[in-house]
N, C-alpha and C. Protein backbone atom coordinates (compact mmCIF):
# COMPACT_ATOMS: atom_id res chain seq x y z
N MET A 1 76.85 103.19 87.15
CA MET A 1 77.14 104.55 86.70
C MET A 1 75.85 105.36 86.67
N LYS A 2 75.91 106.55 87.21
CA LYS A 2 74.72 107.38 87.31
C LYS A 2 74.78 108.52 86.31
N THR A 3 73.64 108.85 85.71
CA THR A 3 73.54 110.00 84.82
C THR A 3 72.56 111.00 85.42
N LEU A 4 72.99 112.26 85.54
CA LEU A 4 72.14 113.31 86.07
C LEU A 4 71.69 114.18 84.92
N SER A 5 70.40 114.35 84.76
CA SER A 5 69.87 115.13 83.64
C SER A 5 68.92 116.18 84.18
N PRO A 6 68.47 117.15 83.33
CA PRO A 6 67.65 118.25 83.81
C PRO A 6 66.38 117.75 84.49
N GLN A 7 65.52 117.82 85.02
CA GLN A 7 64.25 117.86 85.70
C GLN A 7 64.27 119.29 86.07
N SER A 8 84.80 130.93 94.66
CA SER A 8 86.03 131.50 94.11
C SER A 8 87.10 131.43 95.14
N SER A 9 87.50 131.21 94.90
CA SER A 9 88.75 130.94 95.58
C SER A 9 89.44 132.22 96.03
N VAL A 10 90.64 132.08 96.59
CA VAL A 10 91.43 133.25 96.98
C VAL A 10 91.75 134.10 95.77
N HIS A 11 91.90 133.49 94.61
CA HIS A 11 92.21 134.22 93.39
C HIS A 11 90.92 134.81 92.81
N THR A 12 90.74 136.12 92.93
CA THR A 12 89.55 136.77 92.40
C THR A 12 89.95 138.03 91.66
N LEU A 13 89.05 138.50 90.80
CA LEU A 13 89.30 139.73 90.06
C LEU A 13 89.13 140.96 90.93
N ASP A 14 88.51 140.82 92.10
CA ASP A 14 88.33 141.96 92.99
C ASP A 14 89.67 142.48 93.49
N ASP A 15 90.64 141.59 93.60
CA ASP A 15 91.97 141.98 94.07
C ASP A 15 92.97 141.15 93.29
N TYR A 16 93.19 141.52 92.03
CA TYR A 16 94.01 140.72 91.13
C TYR A 16 95.48 140.86 91.47
N SER A 17 96.05 139.80 92.00
CA SER A 17 97.47 139.75 92.34
C SER A 17 98.06 138.49 91.73
N PRO A 18 98.41 138.53 90.45
CA PRO A 18 98.87 137.31 89.77
C PRO A 18 100.16 136.77 90.35
N PRO A 19 100.33 135.46 90.32
CA PRO A 19 101.56 134.86 90.84
C PRO A 19 102.75 135.28 89.98
N GLN A 20 103.92 135.33 90.60
CA GLN A 20 105.11 135.76 89.88
C GLN A 20 105.87 134.61 89.25
N GLU A 21 105.46 133.38 89.51
CA GLU A 21 106.15 132.24 88.93
C GLU A 21 106.07 132.28 87.41
N ALA A 22 107.14 131.82 86.76
CA ALA A 22 107.20 131.83 85.31
C ALA A 22 106.21 130.83 84.71
N VAL A 23 105.75 131.11 83.50
CA VAL A 23 104.90 130.17 82.78
C VAL A 23 105.81 129.16 82.09
N ALA A 24 105.71 127.91 82.50
CA ALA A 24 106.56 126.86 81.93
C ALA A 24 106.07 126.48 80.55
N VAL A 25 106.98 126.41 79.58
CA VAL A 25 106.66 125.96 78.23
C VAL A 25 107.05 124.49 78.14
N LEU A 26 106.06 123.62 77.98
CA LEU A 26 106.27 122.18 77.99
C LEU A 26 106.53 121.62 76.60
N HIS A 27 106.08 122.33 75.58
CA HIS A 27 106.27 121.89 74.19
C HIS A 27 106.29 123.12 73.30
N ALA A 28 107.19 123.13 72.34
CA ALA A 28 107.25 124.23 71.37
C ALA A 28 107.67 123.68 70.02
N ASP A 29 106.90 123.96 68.98
CA ASP A 29 107.30 123.68 67.61
C ASP A 29 106.82 124.83 66.74
N ALA A 30 106.93 124.72 65.46
CA ALA A 30 106.62 125.84 64.57
C ALA A 30 105.14 126.17 64.53
N GLN A 31 104.28 125.25 64.99
CA GLN A 31 102.84 125.44 64.89
C GLN A 31 102.14 125.74 66.22
N LEU A 32 102.68 125.21 67.31
CA LEU A 32 101.96 125.35 68.57
C LEU A 32 102.89 125.31 69.77
N LEU A 33 102.34 125.76 70.89
CA LEU A 33 103.01 125.72 72.19
C LEU A 33 102.05 125.05 73.17
N VAL A 34 102.60 124.32 74.13
CA VAL A 34 101.82 123.82 75.26
C VAL A 34 102.48 124.36 76.52
N VAL A 35 101.69 125.03 77.34
CA VAL A 35 102.24 125.70 78.53
C VAL A 35 101.48 125.28 79.77
N ALA A 36 102.09 125.56 80.93
CA ALA A 36 101.49 125.25 82.23
C ALA A 36 101.03 126.56 82.87
N LYS A 37 99.74 126.77 82.94
CA LYS A 37 99.21 128.00 83.53
C LYS A 37 99.15 127.88 85.05
N PRO A 38 99.75 128.83 85.78
CA PRO A 38 99.60 128.81 87.24
C PRO A 38 98.20 129.25 87.66
N ALA A 39 97.74 128.77 88.80
CA ALA A 39 96.49 129.26 89.37
C ALA A 39 96.65 130.73 89.72
N GLY A 40 95.61 131.52 89.47
CA GLY A 40 95.64 132.93 89.83
C GLY A 40 96.07 133.86 88.72
N LEU A 41 96.46 133.32 87.58
CA LEU A 41 96.90 134.13 86.45
C LEU A 41 95.83 134.11 85.36
N LEU A 42 95.42 135.29 84.91
CA LEU A 42 94.47 135.36 83.81
C LEU A 42 95.07 134.73 82.56
N ALA A 43 94.24 134.04 81.78
CA ALA A 43 94.72 133.48 80.52
C ALA A 43 94.89 134.57 79.47
N VAL A 44 93.99 135.53 79.47
CA VAL A 44 94.02 136.66 78.53
C VAL A 44 93.81 137.94 79.34
N PRO A 45 94.16 139.10 78.79
CA PRO A 45 94.04 140.34 79.58
C PRO A 45 92.60 140.70 79.90
N GLY A 46 92.43 141.33 81.06
CA GLY A 46 91.13 141.86 81.44
C GLY A 46 90.94 143.26 80.87
N ARG A 47 89.83 143.88 81.18
CA ARG A 47 89.52 145.19 80.62
C ARG A 47 90.28 146.32 81.31
N LEU A 48 90.63 146.13 82.58
CA LEU A 48 91.27 147.20 83.34
C LEU A 48 92.78 147.17 83.16
N PRO A 49 93.45 148.31 83.30
CA PRO A 49 94.91 148.38 83.12
C PRO A 49 95.66 147.43 84.04
N GLU A 50 95.17 147.23 85.26
CA GLU A 50 95.87 146.37 86.21
C GLU A 50 95.67 144.88 85.92
N MET A 51 94.91 144.57 84.87
CA MET A 51 94.66 143.17 84.51
C MET A 51 95.33 142.80 83.19
N GLN A 52 96.40 143.50 82.84
CA GLN A 52 97.10 143.21 81.59
C GLN A 52 98.14 142.12 81.76
N ASP A 53 98.57 141.85 82.99
CA ASP A 53 99.52 140.76 83.24
C ASP A 53 98.75 139.45 83.14
N CYS A 54 99.02 138.67 82.11
CA CYS A 54 98.27 137.44 81.86
C CYS A 54 99.17 136.44 81.14
N LEU A 55 98.67 135.24 81.00
CA LEU A 55 99.48 134.17 80.41
C LEU A 55 99.91 134.51 78.99
N ILE A 56 98.99 134.94 78.13
CA ILE A 56 99.36 135.17 76.74
C ILE A 56 100.41 136.27 76.62
N HIS A 57 100.31 137.33 77.42
CA HIS A 57 101.31 138.39 77.35
C HIS A 57 102.67 137.92 77.85
N ARG A 58 102.69 137.08 78.88
CA ARG A 58 103.96 136.55 79.38
C ARG A 58 104.61 135.64 78.33
N VAL A 59 103.82 134.77 77.72
CA VAL A 59 104.37 133.86 76.72
C VAL A 59 104.86 134.63 75.50
N GLN A 60 104.15 135.70 75.12
CA GLN A 60 104.55 136.47 73.94
C GLN A 60 105.88 137.20 74.13
N GLN A 61 106.33 137.34 75.36
CA GLN A 61 107.65 137.92 75.57
C GLN A 61 108.75 137.01 75.01
N GLN A 62 108.50 135.70 75.03
CA GLN A 62 109.46 134.73 74.49
C GLN A 62 109.07 134.27 73.09
N TYR A 63 107.75 134.18 72.85
CA TYR A 63 107.22 133.73 71.56
C TYR A 63 106.22 134.79 71.07
N PRO A 64 106.70 135.83 70.39
CA PRO A 64 105.83 136.94 69.98
C PRO A 64 104.67 136.53 69.08
N ASP A 65 104.79 135.36 68.42
CA ASP A 65 103.73 134.92 67.51
C ASP A 65 102.66 134.08 68.19
N ALA A 66 102.73 133.89 69.50
CA ALA A 66 101.76 133.05 70.22
C ALA A 66 100.36 133.64 70.14
N LEU A 67 99.38 132.78 69.88
CA LEU A 67 97.98 133.17 69.74
C LEU A 67 97.09 132.29 70.63
N VAL A 68 96.04 132.88 71.17
CA VAL A 68 95.12 132.16 72.06
C VAL A 68 94.23 131.21 71.25
N VAL A 69 94.05 130.00 71.76
CA VAL A 69 93.15 129.02 71.16
C VAL A 69 91.97 128.74 72.09
N HIS A 70 92.24 128.60 73.38
CA HIS A 70 91.20 128.35 74.37
C HIS A 70 91.66 128.99 75.68
N ARG A 71 90.84 128.88 76.71
CA ARG A 71 91.16 129.51 77.99
C ARG A 71 90.95 128.55 79.14
N LEU A 72 91.57 128.88 80.26
CA LEU A 72 91.25 128.30 81.56
C LEU A 72 90.81 129.43 82.47
N ASP A 73 89.90 129.14 83.40
CA ASP A 73 89.53 130.14 84.40
C ASP A 73 90.78 130.64 85.11
N MET A 74 90.76 131.87 85.55
CA MET A 74 91.91 132.45 86.24
C MET A 74 92.36 131.57 87.41
N ALA A 75 91.41 131.04 88.17
CA ALA A 75 91.75 130.29 89.38
C ALA A 75 92.19 128.85 89.10
N THR A 76 92.05 128.40 87.86
CA THR A 76 92.40 127.03 87.49
C THR A 76 93.84 126.98 86.99
N SER A 77 94.55 125.92 87.33
CA SER A 77 95.90 125.71 86.83
C SER A 77 95.89 124.59 85.80
N GLY A 78 97.00 124.49 85.05
CA GLY A 78 97.15 123.34 84.18
C GLY A 78 97.50 123.65 82.75
N LEU A 79 97.27 122.67 81.88
CA LEU A 79 97.73 122.68 80.50
C LEU A 79 96.89 123.56 79.60
N MET A 80 97.56 124.36 78.78
CA MET A 80 96.92 125.15 77.74
C MET A 80 97.74 125.03 76.47
N VAL A 81 97.05 125.02 75.34
CA VAL A 81 97.72 125.02 74.04
C VAL A 81 97.55 126.39 73.39
N LEU A 82 98.61 126.88 72.78
CA LEU A 82 98.61 128.15 72.05
C LEU A 82 99.06 127.88 70.62
N ALA A 83 98.55 128.64 69.68
CA ALA A 83 98.96 128.51 68.28
C ALA A 83 100.09 129.49 67.97
N ARG A 84 100.81 129.22 66.87
CA ARG A 84 101.90 130.10 66.47
C ARG A 84 101.70 130.66 65.06
N SER A 85 100.53 130.49 64.52
CA SER A 85 100.17 131.08 63.22
C SER A 85 98.66 131.15 63.15
N LEU A 86 98.16 131.98 62.26
CA LEU A 86 96.71 132.08 62.11
C LEU A 86 96.12 130.77 61.60
N ALA A 87 96.86 130.09 60.72
CA ALA A 87 96.38 128.81 60.19
C ALA A 87 96.29 127.77 61.30
N ALA A 88 97.32 127.72 62.16
CA ALA A 88 97.30 126.78 63.28
C ALA A 88 96.21 127.14 64.28
N GLN A 89 96.02 128.43 64.53
CA GLN A 89 94.96 128.86 65.44
C GLN A 89 93.59 128.42 64.91
N ARG A 90 93.37 128.60 63.61
CA ARG A 90 92.10 128.20 63.02
C ARG A 90 91.90 126.69 63.12
N ALA A 91 92.94 125.91 62.80
CA ALA A 91 92.83 124.46 62.85
C ALA A 91 92.59 123.96 64.27
N LEU A 92 93.31 124.51 65.23
CA LEU A 92 93.13 124.08 66.62
C LEU A 92 91.77 124.50 67.16
N SER A 93 91.33 125.70 66.82
CA SER A 93 90.01 126.17 67.26
C SER A 93 88.91 125.28 66.70
N GLU A 94 89.06 124.87 65.44
CA GLU A 94 88.07 123.97 64.83
C GLU A 94 88.09 122.60 65.51
N ALA A 95 89.28 122.15 65.92
CA ALA A 95 89.37 120.87 66.63
C ALA A 95 88.64 120.93 67.96
N PHE A 96 88.79 122.04 68.68
CA PHE A 96 88.05 122.22 69.93
C PHE A 96 86.55 122.24 69.65
N ALA A 97 86.14 122.95 68.61
CA ALA A 97 84.72 123.10 68.30
C ALA A 97 84.05 121.77 67.97
N ARG A 98 84.78 120.89 67.30
CA ARG A 98 84.19 119.59 66.96
C ARG A 98 84.51 118.51 67.99
N ARG A 99 85.02 118.92 69.12
CA ARG A 99 85.29 118.04 70.27
C ARG A 99 86.33 116.98 69.94
N ALA A 100 87.34 117.37 69.15
CA ALA A 100 88.42 116.45 68.79
C ALA A 100 89.62 116.60 69.70
N VAL A 101 89.51 117.45 70.71
CA VAL A 101 90.58 117.64 71.69
C VAL A 101 90.13 117.01 73.00
N SER A 102 90.98 116.15 73.57
CA SER A 102 90.65 115.48 74.82
C SER A 102 91.31 116.23 75.99
N LYS A 103 90.51 116.58 77.00
CA LYS A 103 91.01 117.27 78.19
C LYS A 103 90.48 116.56 79.43
N GLN A 104 91.32 116.44 80.44
CA GLN A 104 90.89 115.88 81.71
C GLN A 104 91.44 116.74 82.85
N TYR A 105 90.63 116.85 83.90
CA TYR A 105 90.96 117.68 85.05
C TYR A 105 90.91 116.83 86.31
N VAL A 106 91.72 117.22 87.28
CA VAL A 106 91.64 116.67 88.63
C VAL A 106 91.06 117.74 89.53
N ALA A 107 90.18 117.33 90.44
CA ALA A 107 89.57 118.28 91.37
C ALA A 107 89.39 117.64 92.74
N LEU A 108 89.44 118.46 93.77
CA LEU A 108 89.06 118.05 95.11
C LEU A 108 87.68 118.61 95.39
N LEU A 109 86.76 117.76 95.80
CA LEU A 109 85.38 118.17 96.01
C LEU A 109 85.05 118.26 97.49
N ASP A 110 84.19 119.20 97.81
CA ASP A 110 83.70 119.40 99.17
C ASP A 110 82.43 118.57 99.33
N GLY A 111 82.60 117.32 99.71
CA GLY A 111 81.48 116.41 99.83
C GLY A 111 81.79 115.08 99.16
N GLN A 112 80.88 114.14 99.27
CA GLN A 112 81.07 112.80 98.74
C GLN A 112 80.14 112.57 97.54
N LEU A 113 80.71 112.18 96.41
CA LEU A 113 79.90 111.85 95.26
C LEU A 113 79.03 110.63 95.55
N PRO A 114 77.82 110.61 95.03
CA PRO A 114 76.93 109.47 95.29
C PRO A 114 77.35 108.20 94.55
N ASP A 115 78.11 108.35 93.46
CA ASP A 115 78.51 107.21 92.66
C ASP A 115 79.99 107.31 92.32
N ALA A 116 80.59 106.17 91.99
CA ALA A 116 82.01 106.15 91.65
C ALA A 116 82.28 106.72 90.28
N ALA A 117 81.28 106.75 89.43
CA ALA A 117 81.43 107.31 88.08
C ALA A 117 80.05 107.72 87.59
N GLY A 118 80.04 108.65 86.66
CA GLY A 118 78.76 109.08 86.13
C GLY A 118 78.90 110.22 85.15
N THR A 119 77.76 110.75 84.76
CA THR A 119 77.70 111.84 83.78
C THR A 119 76.74 112.90 84.28
N VAL A 120 77.12 114.15 84.14
CA VAL A 120 76.22 115.26 84.43
C VAL A 120 75.85 115.90 83.11
N ASP A 121 74.57 115.87 82.79
CA ASP A 121 74.05 116.40 81.52
C ASP A 121 73.02 117.48 81.86
N LEU A 122 73.53 118.68 82.13
CA LEU A 122 72.68 119.79 82.55
C LEU A 122 73.05 121.05 81.77
N PRO A 123 72.08 121.71 81.13
CA PRO A 123 72.37 122.92 80.34
C PRO A 123 72.74 124.09 81.25
N LEU A 124 73.62 124.94 80.75
CA LEU A 124 74.12 126.07 81.53
C LEU A 124 73.91 127.39 80.80
N MET A 125 73.72 128.43 81.61
CA MET A 125 73.65 129.78 81.06
C MET A 125 74.14 130.77 82.10
N SER A 126 74.41 131.99 81.66
CA SER A 126 74.89 133.02 82.58
C SER A 126 73.80 133.39 83.58
N ASP A 127 74.22 133.56 84.84
CA ASP A 127 73.32 134.04 85.89
C ASP A 127 73.47 135.56 85.92
N TRP A 128 72.70 136.25 85.07
CA TRP A 128 72.91 137.68 84.81
C TRP A 128 72.85 138.54 86.06
N LEU A 129 72.04 138.17 87.03
CA LEU A 129 71.92 138.97 88.24
C LEU A 129 73.08 138.74 89.20
N ARG A 130 73.84 137.66 88.97
CA ARG A 130 74.96 137.35 89.87
C ARG A 130 76.23 137.05 89.07
N ARG A 131 76.42 137.77 87.99
CA ARG A 131 77.61 137.56 87.17
C ARG A 131 78.87 137.76 88.01
N PRO A 132 79.93 136.94 87.78
CA PRO A 132 80.13 136.05 86.63
C PRO A 132 79.61 134.63 86.82
N ARG A 133 78.76 134.42 87.80
CA ARG A 133 78.24 133.07 88.03
C ARG A 133 77.46 132.55 86.82
N GLN A 134 77.52 131.23 86.66
CA GLN A 134 76.69 130.53 85.68
C GLN A 134 75.68 129.70 86.46
N LYS A 135 74.63 129.23 85.77
CA LYS A 135 73.62 128.44 86.47
C LYS A 135 73.03 127.38 85.54
N VAL A 136 72.49 126.35 86.15
CA VAL A 136 71.75 125.34 85.41
C VAL A 136 70.40 125.92 85.03
N ASP A 137 70.06 125.82 83.74
CA ASP A 137 68.80 126.37 83.27
C ASP A 137 68.39 125.64 82.00
N ALA A 138 67.13 125.24 81.92
CA ALA A 138 66.66 124.50 80.75
C ALA A 138 66.82 125.30 79.46
N ALA A 139 66.88 126.63 79.58
CA ALA A 139 67.05 127.48 78.40
C ALA A 139 68.51 127.68 78.02
N GLY A 140 69.41 127.08 78.79
CA GLY A 140 70.83 127.27 78.53
C GLY A 140 71.37 126.38 77.43
N LYS A 141 72.69 126.44 77.23
CA LYS A 141 73.35 125.63 76.21
C LYS A 141 73.66 124.24 76.77
N PRO A 142 73.60 123.22 75.93
CA PRO A 142 73.90 121.86 76.40
C PRO A 142 75.30 121.80 77.00
N ALA A 143 75.41 121.07 78.10
CA ALA A 143 76.70 120.92 78.79
C ALA A 143 76.79 119.50 79.35
N LEU A 144 77.91 118.84 79.09
CA LEU A 144 78.05 117.44 79.47
C LEU A 144 79.42 117.22 80.11
N THR A 145 79.41 116.64 81.30
CA THR A 145 80.63 116.34 82.05
C THR A 145 80.62 114.90 82.51
N GLU A 146 81.74 114.20 82.30
CA GLU A 146 81.90 112.86 82.84
C GLU A 146 82.80 112.94 84.07
N TYR A 147 82.49 112.15 85.09
CA TYR A 147 83.31 112.17 86.30
C TYR A 147 83.63 110.75 86.76
N ARG A 148 84.78 110.62 87.43
CA ARG A 148 85.19 109.33 87.98
C ARG A 148 85.87 109.57 89.31
N LEU A 149 85.44 108.86 90.32
CA LEU A 149 86.03 108.97 91.65
C LEU A 149 87.44 108.39 91.66
N LEU A 150 88.39 109.15 92.18
CA LEU A 150 89.77 108.67 92.32
C LEU A 150 90.07 108.24 93.75
N GLN A 151 89.55 109.00 94.73
CA GLN A 151 89.85 108.70 96.13
C GLN A 151 88.84 109.38 97.04
N ARG A 152 88.33 108.64 98.00
CA ARG A 152 87.48 109.24 99.03
C ARG A 152 88.35 109.70 100.18
N GLN A 153 88.05 110.88 100.72
CA GLN A 153 88.78 111.43 101.84
C GLN A 153 87.80 111.75 102.95
N ALA A 154 88.31 112.06 104.11
CA ALA A 154 87.43 112.28 105.27
C ALA A 154 86.47 113.44 105.03
N ASP A 155 86.95 114.49 104.37
CA ASP A 155 86.12 115.68 104.20
C ASP A 155 85.77 115.96 102.74
N GLY A 156 85.88 114.96 101.89
CA GLY A 156 85.56 115.17 100.48
C GLY A 156 86.09 114.04 99.62
N CYS A 157 86.35 114.33 98.37
CA CYS A 157 86.87 113.30 97.48
C CYS A 157 87.67 113.93 96.34
N ARG A 158 88.54 113.11 95.76
CA ARG A 158 89.36 113.50 94.63
C ARG A 158 88.77 112.84 93.39
N VAL A 159 88.57 113.62 92.33
CA VAL A 159 87.88 113.10 91.15
C VAL A 159 88.62 113.47 89.87
N LEU A 160 88.35 112.69 88.84
CA LEU A 160 88.81 112.97 87.49
C LEU A 160 87.61 113.45 86.69
N LEU A 161 87.73 114.62 86.06
CA LEU A 161 86.62 115.23 85.33
C LEU A 161 86.98 115.36 83.86
N THR A 162 86.05 114.95 83.00
CA THR A 162 86.23 115.07 81.56
C THR A 162 85.10 115.92 80.99
N PRO A 163 85.39 117.16 80.60
CA PRO A 163 84.35 117.99 80.00
C PRO A 163 84.15 117.61 78.53
N VAL A 164 82.99 117.11 78.19
CA VAL A 164 82.69 116.77 76.80
C VAL A 164 82.39 118.04 76.02
N THR A 165 81.71 118.98 76.67
CA THR A 165 81.52 120.32 76.12
C THR A 165 82.42 121.28 76.89
N GLY A 166 82.44 122.52 76.50
CA GLY A 166 83.36 123.47 77.12
C GLY A 166 82.70 124.78 77.53
N ARG A 167 81.66 124.70 78.33
CA ARG A 167 80.94 125.92 78.76
C ARG A 167 81.69 126.62 79.89
N THR A 168 81.44 127.90 80.03
CA THR A 168 82.03 128.69 81.10
C THR A 168 81.66 128.10 82.46
N HIS A 169 82.68 127.86 83.32
CA HIS A 169 82.48 127.33 84.67
C HIS A 169 81.77 125.98 84.68
N GLN A 170 81.82 125.25 83.57
CA GLN A 170 81.05 124.01 83.47
C GLN A 170 81.35 123.02 84.59
N LEU A 171 82.62 122.73 84.82
CA LEU A 171 82.97 121.74 85.85
C LEU A 171 82.55 122.22 87.23
N ARG A 172 82.72 123.49 87.48
CA ARG A 172 82.40 124.05 88.79
C ARG A 172 80.89 123.98 89.06
N VAL A 173 80.08 124.32 88.07
CA VAL A 173 78.62 124.32 88.26
C VAL A 173 78.09 122.89 88.27
N HIS A 174 78.63 122.02 87.45
CA HIS A 174 78.16 120.64 87.44
C HIS A 174 78.48 119.91 88.75
N MET A 175 79.65 120.18 89.34
CA MET A 175 79.94 119.56 90.63
C MET A 175 79.03 120.13 91.72
N LEU A 176 78.74 121.42 91.65
CA LEU A 176 77.78 122.01 92.58
C LEU A 176 76.42 121.34 92.44
N ALA A 177 76.02 121.03 91.20
CA ALA A 177 74.72 120.38 90.97
C ALA A 177 74.66 118.99 91.61
N LEU A 178 75.83 118.37 91.78
CA LEU A 178 75.89 117.07 92.46
C LEU A 178 75.95 117.22 93.97
N GLY A 179 75.97 118.46 94.45
CA GLY A 179 76.06 118.71 95.88
C GLY A 179 77.47 118.70 96.41
N CYS A 180 78.45 118.79 95.51
CA CYS A 180 79.86 118.70 95.89
C CYS A 180 80.66 119.81 95.20
N PRO A 181 80.54 121.06 95.66
CA PRO A 181 81.33 122.13 95.03
C PRO A 181 82.83 121.86 95.16
N ILE A 182 83.60 122.44 94.26
CA ILE A 182 85.05 122.24 94.29
C ILE A 182 85.64 123.01 95.47
N VAL A 183 86.55 122.38 96.18
CA VAL A 183 87.21 123.02 97.32
C VAL A 183 87.92 124.28 96.84
N GLY A 184 87.78 125.36 97.61
CA GLY A 184 88.40 126.62 97.27
C GLY A 184 87.58 127.48 96.33
N ASP A 185 86.39 127.03 95.96
CA ASP A 185 85.55 127.78 95.02
C ASP A 185 84.54 128.64 95.77
N ALA A 186 84.98 129.81 96.18
CA ALA A 186 84.11 130.70 96.94
C ALA A 186 82.91 131.15 96.12
N LEU A 187 83.06 131.23 94.81
CA LEU A 187 81.97 131.68 93.94
C LEU A 187 80.78 130.73 94.00
N TYR A 188 81.04 129.44 94.19
CA TYR A 188 79.97 128.44 94.19
C TYR A 188 79.86 127.67 95.51
N GLY A 189 80.41 128.24 96.58
CA GLY A 189 80.17 127.68 97.91
C GLY A 189 81.08 126.57 98.35
N GLY A 190 82.23 126.44 97.72
CA GLY A 190 83.18 125.42 98.13
C GLY A 190 83.90 125.79 99.42
N ARG A 191 84.37 124.80 100.15
CA ARG A 191 85.11 125.02 101.38
C ARG A 191 86.35 125.88 101.12
N ALA A 192 86.69 126.74 102.06
CA ALA A 192 87.82 127.66 101.89
C ALA A 192 89.13 126.88 101.74
N ALA A 193 90.00 127.39 100.88
CA ALA A 193 91.31 126.80 100.63
C ALA A 193 92.21 127.87 100.03
N PRO A 194 93.52 127.66 99.99
CA PRO A 194 94.41 128.67 99.44
C PRO A 194 94.20 128.94 97.96
N ARG A 195 93.56 128.00 97.24
CA ARG A 195 93.32 128.17 95.81
C ARG A 195 92.14 127.28 95.41
N LEU A 196 91.65 127.49 94.20
CA LEU A 196 90.65 126.59 93.63
C LEU A 196 91.32 125.26 93.31
N MET A 197 90.81 124.19 93.86
CA MET A 197 91.41 122.87 93.68
C MET A 197 90.91 122.21 92.39
N LEU A 198 91.28 122.82 91.28
CA LEU A 198 90.91 122.34 89.95
C LEU A 198 92.11 122.53 89.04
N HIS A 199 92.51 121.45 88.36
CA HIS A 199 93.75 121.47 87.58
C HIS A 199 93.58 120.68 86.29
N ALA A 200 93.94 121.30 85.17
CA ALA A 200 93.88 120.63 83.86
C ALA A 200 95.13 119.77 83.70
N GLN A 201 94.98 118.46 83.91
CA GLN A 201 96.15 117.60 84.02
C GLN A 201 96.53 116.88 82.72
N SER A 202 95.61 116.74 81.78
CA SER A 202 95.97 116.04 80.55
C SER A 202 95.33 116.71 79.34
N LEU A 203 96.03 116.61 78.22
CA LEU A 203 95.60 117.23 76.98
C LEU A 203 96.07 116.35 75.83
N ALA A 204 95.20 116.06 74.88
CA ALA A 204 95.55 115.26 73.72
C ALA A 204 94.87 115.85 72.49
N LEU A 205 95.64 115.97 71.40
CA LEU A 205 95.11 116.55 70.17
C LEU A 205 95.95 116.13 68.97
N ARG A 206 95.40 116.35 67.79
CA ARG A 206 96.13 116.10 66.56
C ARG A 206 96.91 117.35 66.17
N HIS A 207 98.17 117.16 65.79
CA HIS A 207 98.98 118.30 65.39
C HIS A 207 98.38 118.93 64.13
N PRO A 208 98.24 120.25 64.11
CA PRO A 208 97.56 120.91 62.97
C PRO A 208 98.29 120.78 61.64
N HIS A 209 99.57 120.44 61.66
CA HIS A 209 100.32 120.29 60.40
C HIS A 209 100.56 118.82 60.06
N SER A 210 101.09 118.05 61.01
CA SER A 210 101.45 116.66 60.72
C SER A 210 100.32 115.67 60.95
N ASP A 211 99.31 116.06 61.71
CA ASP A 211 98.19 115.20 62.11
C ASP A 211 98.60 114.12 63.10
N ALA A 212 99.82 114.20 63.62
CA ALA A 212 100.27 113.24 64.63
C ALA A 212 99.51 113.47 65.94
N LEU A 213 99.20 112.39 66.64
CA LEU A 213 98.53 112.50 67.92
C LEU A 213 99.55 112.89 68.99
N LEU A 214 99.29 114.00 69.67
CA LEU A 214 100.17 114.51 70.72
C LEU A 214 99.44 114.46 72.05
N GLN A 215 100.15 114.07 73.11
CA GLN A 215 99.55 113.97 74.44
C GLN A 215 100.50 114.54 75.49
N TRP A 216 99.92 115.23 76.47
CA TRP A 216 100.71 115.79 77.57
C TRP A 216 100.01 115.51 78.89
N GLN A 217 100.83 115.35 79.93
CA GLN A 217 100.33 115.16 81.29
C GLN A 217 101.06 116.15 82.21
N LEU A 218 100.34 116.70 83.15
CA LEU A 218 100.92 117.61 84.14
C LEU A 218 100.26 117.34 85.48
N ALA A 219 101.00 116.76 86.40
CA ALA A 219 100.44 116.37 87.70
C ALA A 219 99.89 117.57 88.46
N ALA A 220 98.80 117.36 89.16
CA ALA A 220 98.20 118.43 89.97
C ALA A 220 99.12 118.80 91.13
N PRO A 221 99.22 120.09 91.46
CA PRO A 221 100.08 120.52 92.56
C PRO A 221 99.39 120.40 93.92
N PHE A 222 98.30 119.68 93.99
CA PHE A 222 97.58 119.50 95.27
C PHE A 222 97.16 118.05 95.44
């Protein structure tokens, strides 16, 4: 196992055309919702009027009390949890902050990883001159990603990614740092594809009221 330490896709905000597919609700109880975010849909509204169509607004049409707890990049698909009360939102947000929520992603990479498993431990910060890009920088915030090879392919590989921290674009920049940008990630030089090949496939957390361990899986659509 190797540890690396310091020493956009078709879906872009330049032409926001969110998918029309419905947001599937995979779990609903009095405290929280778990939903499947399609690729290309903003998790929360943007600043411009044409960017108000987003996951939280769509879900609130059916569940008016739904509240945001965390986000996925617009181009990323997969599992998201929403709260249904301020108390649940606070409890879930605190769970994310103390890293008590387990998340795993599947990605297709443009290139071959040097090792079957490893860790990327590289600090990240905003690349102010090329926003919204992020970059590896010693002055940035700590960022840690674990990766495991699932399958080698002729033009890349399929991997399982576990973000230990939750920085903006963390998985995308860390894979770039390994020389293997995510397929479909035009922002970071990935090979062209119909979408960003990054999907949040598993989520596990403690219920904010009962403390029961809850787990969900959602297979990648690629």
